[in-house]
C-alpha atoms as a PDB file:
ATOM      1  CA  MET A   1      -0.133   0.069  -0.049  1.00  0.00           C
ATOM      2  CA  LEU A   2       2.747   2.579   1.068  1.00  0.00           C
ATOM      3  CA  ALA A   3       4.574   1.817  -2.711  1.00  0.00           C
ATOM      4  CA  LYS A   4       1.158   3.057  -4.076  1.00  0.00           C
ATOM      5  CA  LYS A   5       1.104   6.002  -2.557  1.00  0.00           C
ATOM      6  CA  ASN A   6       5.106   6.920  -3.008  1.00  0.00           C
ATOM      7  CA  LYS A   7       4.406   6.487  -6.813  1.00  0.00           C
ATOM      8  CA  PRO A   8       2.985   9.804  -7.595  1.00  0.00           C
ATOM      9  CA  LYS A   9       5.574  11.290  -5.530  1.00  0.00           C
ATOM     10  CA  VAL A  10       8.545   9.773  -7.415  1.00  0.00           C
ATOM     11  CA  ILE A  11       7.190  10.280 -10.870  1.00  0.00           C
ATOM     12  CA  LYS A  12       7.056  14.146  -9.687  1.00  0.00           C
ATOM     13  CA  LYS A  13      10.403  14.541  -8.654  1.00  0.00           C
ATOM     14  CA  ARG A  14      11.502  12.531 -11.864  1.00  0.00           C
ATOM     15  CA  LEU A  15       9.438  14.882 -14.241  1.00  0.00           C
ATOM     16  CA  GLN A  16      11.008  18.302 -11.991  1.00  0.00           C
ATOM     17  CA  ARG A  17      14.891  16.330 -12.362  1.00  0.00           C
ATOM     18  CA  LEU A  18      13.804  15.984 -16.161  1.00  0.00           C
ATOM     19  CA  LEU A  19      12.349  19.887 -16.630  1.00  0.00           C
ATOM     20  CA  LEU A  20      15.476  21.337 -14.795  1.00  0.00           C
ATOM     21  CA  ILE A  21      17.750  19.434 -17.093  1.00  0.00           C
ATOM     22  CA  ILE A  22      15.751  20.436 -20.499  1.00  0.00           C
ATOM     23  CA  GLY A  23      16.150  23.988 -19.109  1.00  0.00           C
ATOM     24  CA  ILE A  24      19.826  24.124 -18.439  1.00  0.00           C
ATOM     25  CA  ALA A  25      20.544  22.341 -21.814  1.00  0.00           C
ATOM     26  CA  GLY A  26      18.343  25.429 -23.416  1.00  0.00           C
ATOM     27  CA  ALA A  27      20.079  28.171 -21.293  1.00  0.00           C
ATOM     28  CA  SER A  28      23.466  26.960 -22.546  1.00  0.00           C
ATOM     29  CA  THR A  29      21.980  26.858 -26.092  1.00  0.00           C
ATOM     30  CA  LEU A  30      21.093  30.261 -25.610  1.00  0.00           C
ATOM     31  CA  ILE A  31      24.105  31.406 -24.111  1.00  0.00           C
ATOM     32  CA  THR A  32      26.561  29.516 -26.579  1.00  0.00           C
ATOM     33  CA  ILE A  33      24.728  30.929 -29.732  1.00  0.00           C
ATOM     34  CA  PRO A  34      26.055  34.832 -29.685  1.00  0.00           C
ATOM     35  CA  VAL A  35      29.425  32.796 -29.148  1.00  0.00           C
ATOM     36  CA  LEU A  36      29.522  30.691 -32.036  1.00  0.00           C
ATOM     37  CA  ALA A  37      28.307  33.668 -34.122  1.00  0.00           C
ATOM     38  CA  LYS A  38      31.564  35.303 -33.516  1.00  0.00           C
ATOM     39  CA  TYR A  39      33.444  32.517 -35.495  1.00  0.00           C
ATOM     40  CA  TYR A  40      30.745  32.965 -38.417  1.00  0.00           C
ATOM     41  CA  ARG A  41      30.738  36.379 -38.324  1.00  0.00           C
ATOM     42  CA  PRO A  42      32.690  37.825 -41.499  1.00  0.00           C
ATOM     43  CA  TYR A  43      30.433  35.490 -43.581  1.00  0.00           C
ATOM     44  CA  SER A  44      27.306  36.092 -41.715  1.00  0.00           C
ATOM     45  CA  LEU A  45      27.207  40.002 -42.641  1.00  0.00           C
ATOM     46  CA  PHE A  46      26.359  39.405 -46.186  1.00  0.00           C
ATOM     47  CA  GLN A  47      24.689  35.415 -46.043  1.00  0.00           C
ATOM     48  CA  PRO A  48      21.585  34.990 -43.520  1.00  0.00           C
ATOM     49  CA  THR A  49      22.067  31.338 -44.219  1.00  0.00           C
ATOM     50  CA  ALA A  50      26.014  31.191 -43.105  1.00  0.00           C
ATOM     51  CA  SER A  51      25.153  31.821 -39.412  1.00  0.00           C
ATOM     52  CA  ARG A  52      21.522  30.828 -38.997  1.00  0.00           C
ATOM     53  CA  GLY A  53      22.107  31.511 -34.990  1.00  0.00           C
ATOM     54  CA  TYR A  54      22.699  35.285 -35.607  1.00  0.00           C
ATOM     55  CA  PRO A  55      19.630  37.410 -35.594  1.00  0.00           C
ATOM     56  CA  TYR A  56      18.645  39.205 -39.111  1.00  0.00           C
ATOM     57  CA  ARG A  57      16.279  41.803 -40.189  1.00  0.00           C
ATOM     58  CA  ASN A  58      14.237  40.558 -42.668  1.00  0.00           C
ATOM     59  CA  SER A  59      12.464  42.946 -45.040  1.00  0.00           C
ATOM     60  CA  THR A  60       9.585  42.258 -47.605  1.00  0.00           C
ATOM     61  CA  ARG A  61      10.647  45.626 -49.468  1.00  0.00           C
ATOM     62  CA  SER A  62      12.839  46.341 -51.639  1.00  0.00           C
ATOM     63  CA  ILE A  63      16.331  48.292 -50.946  1.00  0.00           C
ATOM     64  CA  ALA A  64      15.200  51.254 -51.545  1.00  0.00           C
ATOM     65  CA  ALA A  65      11.773  50.894 -49.811  1.00  0.00           C
ATOM     66  CA  THR A  66      13.505  49.274 -46.750  1.00  0.00           C
ATOM     67  CA  LEU A  67      16.300  52.375 -46.288  1.00  0.00           C
ATOM     68  CA  ALA A  68      13.305  54.993 -46.767  1.00  0.00           C
ATOM     69  CA  GLN A  69      11.508  53.522 -44.462  1.00  0.00           C
ATOM     70  CA  ASP A  70      14.618  54.298 -41.711  1.00  0.00           C
ATOM     71  CA  THR A  71      14.948  57.356 -40.621  1.00  0.00           C
ATOM     72  CA  LYS A  72      18.493  56.984 -39.361  1.00  0.00           C
ATOM     73  CA  TYR A  73      19.324  56.415 -43.466  1.00  0.00           C
ATOM     74  CA  ALA A  74      17.846  59.539 -44.294  1.00  0.00           C
ATOM     75  CA  ASN A  75      20.834  61.561 -45.546  1.00  0.00           C
ATOM     76  CA  LEU A  76      21.963  58.445 -47.556  1.00  0.00           C
ATOM     77  CA  VAL A  77      18.156  58.523 -49.215  1.00  0.00           C
ATOM     78  CA  HIS A  78      18.595  61.710 -50.051  1.00  0.00           C
ATOM     79  CA  GLY A  79      21.714  61.703 -51.591  1.00  0.00           C
ATOM     80  CA  LEU A  80      20.643  58.699 -53.619  1.00  0.00           C
ATOM     81  CA  LYS A  81      17.483  60.555 -54.922  1.00  0.00           C
ATOM     82  CA  LYS A  82      19.501  63.583 -55.994  1.00  0.00           C
ATOM     83  CA  ALA A  83      22.190  61.687 -57.744  1.00  0.00           C
ATOM     84  CA  GLY A  84      19.368  59.590 -59.426  1.00  0.00           C
ATOM     85  CA  ILE A  85      20.403  56.112 -58.321  1.00  0.00           C
ATOM     86  CA  PHE A  86      17.528  55.553 -55.796  1.00  0.00           C
ATOM     87  CA  ASP A  87      15.212  53.919 -58.378  1.00  0.00           C
ATOM     88  CA  LYS A  88      17.653  51.823 -59.106  1.00  0.00           C
ATOM     89  CA  LEU A  89      17.659  50.114 -55.537  1.00  0.00           C
ATOM     90  CA  LYS A  90      14.266  49.065 -56.341  1.00  0.00           C
ATOM     91  CA  THR A  91      15.053  46.226 -58.997  1.00  0.00           C
ATOM     92  CA  GLY A  92      17.803  44.122 -59.313  1.00  0.00           C
ATOM     93  CA  ARG A  93      20.326  42.439 -57.020  1.00  0.00           C
ATOM     94  CA  PHE A  94      22.635  44.314 -54.815  1.00  0.00           C
ATOM     95  CA  THR A  95      24.475  44.740 -51.573  1.00  0.00           C
ATOM     96  CA  VAL A  96      24.867  48.016 -50.044  1.00  0.00           C
ATOM     97  CA  PHE A  97      26.893  49.520 -47.408  1.00  0.00           C
ATOM     98  CA  ALA A  98      24.629  52.110 -46.122  1.00  0.00           C
ATOM     99  CA  PRO A  99      26.107  55.045 -43.933  1.00  0.00           C
ATOM    100  CA  THR A 100      24.032  56.167 -41.244  1.00  0.00           C
ATOM    101  CA  ASN A 101      23.680  59.833 -40.707  1.00  0.00           C
ATOM    102  CA  ALA A 102      26.166  60.003 -38.116  1.00  0.00           C
ATOM    103  CA  ALA A 103      28.759  58.899 -40.792  1.00  0.00           C
ATOM    104  CA  PHE A 104      27.302  61.959 -43.202  1.00  0.00           C
ATOM    105  CA  HIS A 105      27.772  64.329 -39.899  1.00  0.00           C
ATOM    106  CA  ALA A 106      31.141  62.982 -39.278  1.00  0.00           C
ATOM    107  CA  LEU A 107      32.363  64.337 -42.839  1.00  0.00           C
ATOM    108  CA  SER A 108      34.924  67.127 -42.719  1.00  0.00           C
ATOM    109  CA  ALA A 109      34.111  70.008 -44.473  1.00  0.00           C
ATOM    110  CA  ASP A 110      36.448  69.566 -46.918  1.00  0.00           C
ATOM    111  CA  GLN A 111      34.752  66.108 -47.710  1.00  0.00           C
ATOM    112  CA  PHE A 112      31.172  67.354 -47.185  1.00  0.00           C
ATOM    113  CA  LYS A 113      32.023  70.152 -50.330  1.00  0.00           C
ATOM    114  CA  GLN A 114      33.572  67.673 -52.439  1.00  0.00           C
ATOM    115  CA  TYR A 115      30.535  65.032 -51.910  1.00  0.00           C
ATOM    116  CA  SER A 116      28.191  68.073 -52.260  1.00  0.00           C
ATOM    117  CA  ILE A 117      29.358  68.321 -56.368  1.00  0.00           C
ATOM    118  CA  ARG A 118      26.943  66.092 -58.013  1.00  0.00           C
ATOM    119  CA  GLU A 119      29.650  64.348 -60.320  1.00  0.00           C
ATOM    120  CA  ASN A 120      31.399  63.091 -56.818  1.00  0.00           C
ATOM    121  CA  ARG A 121      28.197  62.382 -55.127  1.00  0.00           C
ATOM    122  CA  ILE A 122      27.332  59.889 -57.885  1.00  0.00           C
ATOM    123  CA  LYS A 123      30.757  58.437 -57.708  1.00  0.00           C
ATOM    124  CA  VAL A 124      30.630  58.200 -53.716  1.00  0.00           C
ATOM    125  CA  LEU A 125      27.153  56.899 -53.823  1.00  0.00           C
ATOM    126  CA  ASN A 126      27.551  54.137 -56.471  1.00  0.00           C
ATOM    127  CA  TYR A 127      31.149  52.985 -54.445  1.00  0.00           C
ATOM    128  CA  HIS A 128      28.697  52.245 -51.702  1.00  0.00           C
ATOM    129  CA  ILE A 129      26.848  49.271 -53.999  1.00  0.00           C
ATOM    130  CA  VAL A 130      27.792  46.192 -55.385  1.00  0.00           C
ATOM    131  CA  PRO A 131      26.232  44.245 -57.731  1.00  0.00           C
ATOM    132  CA  GLY A 132      24.742  40.674 -56.380  1.00  0.00           C
ATOM    133  CA  ASP A 133      25.467  39.324 -53.057  1.00  0.00           C
ATOM    134  CA  ILE A 134      28.787  39.032 -51.645  1.00  0.00           C
ATOM    135  CA  THR A 135      30.051  35.691 -50.937  1.00  0.00           C
ATOM    136  CA  ASN A 136      32.506  33.801 -48.946  1.00  0.00           C
ATOM    137  CA  LYS A 137      34.952  34.018 -51.855  1.00  0.00           C
ATOM    138  CA  ASP A 138      34.696  37.777 -51.695  1.00  0.00           C
ATOM    139  CA  VAL A 139      35.258  37.871 -47.595  1.00  0.00           C
ATOM    140  CA  ASP A 140      38.403  35.570 -48.767  1.00  0.00           C
ATOM    141  CA  LYS A 141      39.545  37.683 -51.413  1.00  0.00           C
ATOM    142  CA  GLY A 142      39.139  40.560 -49.708  1.00  0.00           C
ATOM    143  CA  SER A 143      37.283  42.813 -52.583  1.00  0.00           C
ATOM    144  CA  LYS A 144      34.961  43.390 -54.830  1.00  0.00           C
ATOM    145  CA  ILE A 145      34.034  45.580 -57.285  1.00  0.00           C
ATOM    146  CA  THR A 146      31.375  48.392 -56.930  1.00  0.00           C
ATOM    147  CA  LEU A 147      28.996  49.940 -59.256  1.00  0.00           C
ATOM    148  CA  GLU A 148      31.604  52.963 -59.108  1.00  0.00           C
ATOM    149  CA  GLY A 149      34.259  50.421 -60.954  1.00  0.00           C
ATOM    150  CA  SER A 150      36.465  50.633 -58.149  1.00  0.00           C
ATOM    151  CA  PRO A 151      37.093  47.822 -56.155  1.00  0.00           C
ATOM    152  CA  ILE A 152      36.179  47.587 -52.176  1.00  0.00           C
ATOM    153  CA  LYS A 153      38.135  46.093 -49.922  1.00  0.00           C
ATOM    154  CA  ILE A 154      36.364  43.746 -47.303  1.00  0.00           C
ATOM    155  CA  ASN A 155      38.447  42.344 -44.631  1.00  0.00           C
ATOM    156  CA  PRO A 156      37.670  40.377 -41.210  1.00  0.00           C
ATOM    157  CA  ASP A 157      39.367  42.141 -38.221  1.00  0.00           C
ATOM    158  CA  ASP A 158      41.195  40.579 -35.470  1.00  0.00           C
ATOM    159  CA  ASN A 159      38.032  40.754 -33.224  1.00  0.00           C
ATOM    160  CA  GLY A 160      35.560  38.966 -35.822  1.00  0.00           C
ATOM    161  CA  TYR A 161      34.014  42.002 -37.452  1.00  0.00           C
ATOM    162  CA  VAL A 162      34.292  42.983 -40.996  1.00  0.00           C
ATOM    163  CA  LYS A 163      35.632  46.019 -42.349  1.00  0.00           C
ATOM    164  CA  ILE A 164      34.617  47.547 -45.415  1.00  0.00           C
ATOM    165  CA  ASN A 165      37.623  49.869 -46.374  1.00  0.00           C
ATOM    166  CA  ASN A 166      38.178  51.887 -43.088  1.00  0.00           C
ATOM    167  CA  ALA A 167      34.405  51.268 -42.033  1.00  0.00           C
ATOM    168  CA  ASN A 168      33.125  48.906 -39.872  1.00  0.00           C
ATOM    169  CA  GLY A 169      30.369  46.662 -41.034  1.00  0.00           C
ATOM    170  CA  LYS A 170      27.536  46.331 -37.996  1.00  0.00           C
ATOM    171  CA  HIS A 171      25.432  43.284 -37.043  1.00  0.00           C
ATOM    172  CA  PRO A 172      22.837  42.445 -38.359  1.00  0.00           C
ATOM    173  CA  SER A 173      22.606  43.183 -41.826  1.00  0.00           C
ATOM    174  CA  ILE A 174      18.787  43.700 -43.176  1.00  0.00           C
ATOM    175  CA  VAL A 175      17.932  41.115 -45.677  1.00  0.00           C
ATOM    176  CA  THR A 176      15.821  42.627 -48.537  1.00  0.00           C
ATOM    177  CA  LYS A 177      13.508  41.049 -51.217  1.00  0.00           C
ATOM    178  CA  ASN A 178      16.618  42.365 -53.822  1.00  0.00           C
ATOM    179  CA  GLY A 179      19.407  42.178 -51.463  1.00  0.00           C
ATOM    180  CA  VAL A 180      21.185  43.114 -48.516  1.00  0.00           C
ATOM    181  CA  ILE A 181      21.728  46.424 -46.426  1.00  0.00           C
ATOM    182  CA  VAL A 182      24.936  46.507 -44.196  1.00  0.00           C
ATOM    183  CA  GLU A 183      24.957  49.264 -42.102  1.00  0.00           C
ATOM    184  CA  ILE A 184      28.190  51.218 -41.869  1.00  0.00           C
ATOM    185  CA  ASP A 185      29.655  53.527 -39.827  1.00  0.00           C
ATOM    186  CA  ARG A 186      31.586  56.035 -42.210  1.00  0.00           C
ATOM    187  CA  VAL A 187      30.834  57.518 -45.708  1.00  0.00           C
ATOM    188  CA  LEU A 188      33.591  55.530 -48.025  1.00  0.00           C
ATOM    189  CA  PHE A 189      35.271  57.520 -50.630  1.00  0.00           C
ATOM    190  CA  PRO A 190      36.829  55.356 -53.912  1.00  0.00           C
ATOM    191  CA  ASN A 191      40.539  56.240 -54.535  1.00  0.00           C
END
């Protein structure tokens, strides 16, 4: 009779132990995913499938619509429209290195004066756009040709981040219906 009364208590204790083990395993998994993502970052900045554990922002809109929607890219969108490049980003497949408003505000007076000239603005903004997707080979090669025609350097640094020329690529990238937007902290100028 005593064995039958203790049976529910034994089952309850085993169930509690099982739930504790599952909880510890789940917490361990959540803690290690960002650590593992560090090792796959150079590729995962451009390719969401390269690091499935790293969060990506997704947009069902085009690159142009996604940039226009986010106010931190207002200066970039304004420049793209003035240069006549904005509509190009509605179709086709591109990787866009998108400087934030803060990056434009950090330009020196001389750099901004040069950027303000229409021909220079077109060159500079086309230098931020790479046709197609950037692949592992491009990151390993260290460069990719931009719409401007000059190569852009893509190099992982010692901390696991990606440098685009002298700018830092920021995680997570935005995956749109026609490409990837990589936020950067500086405006890039072709050589």
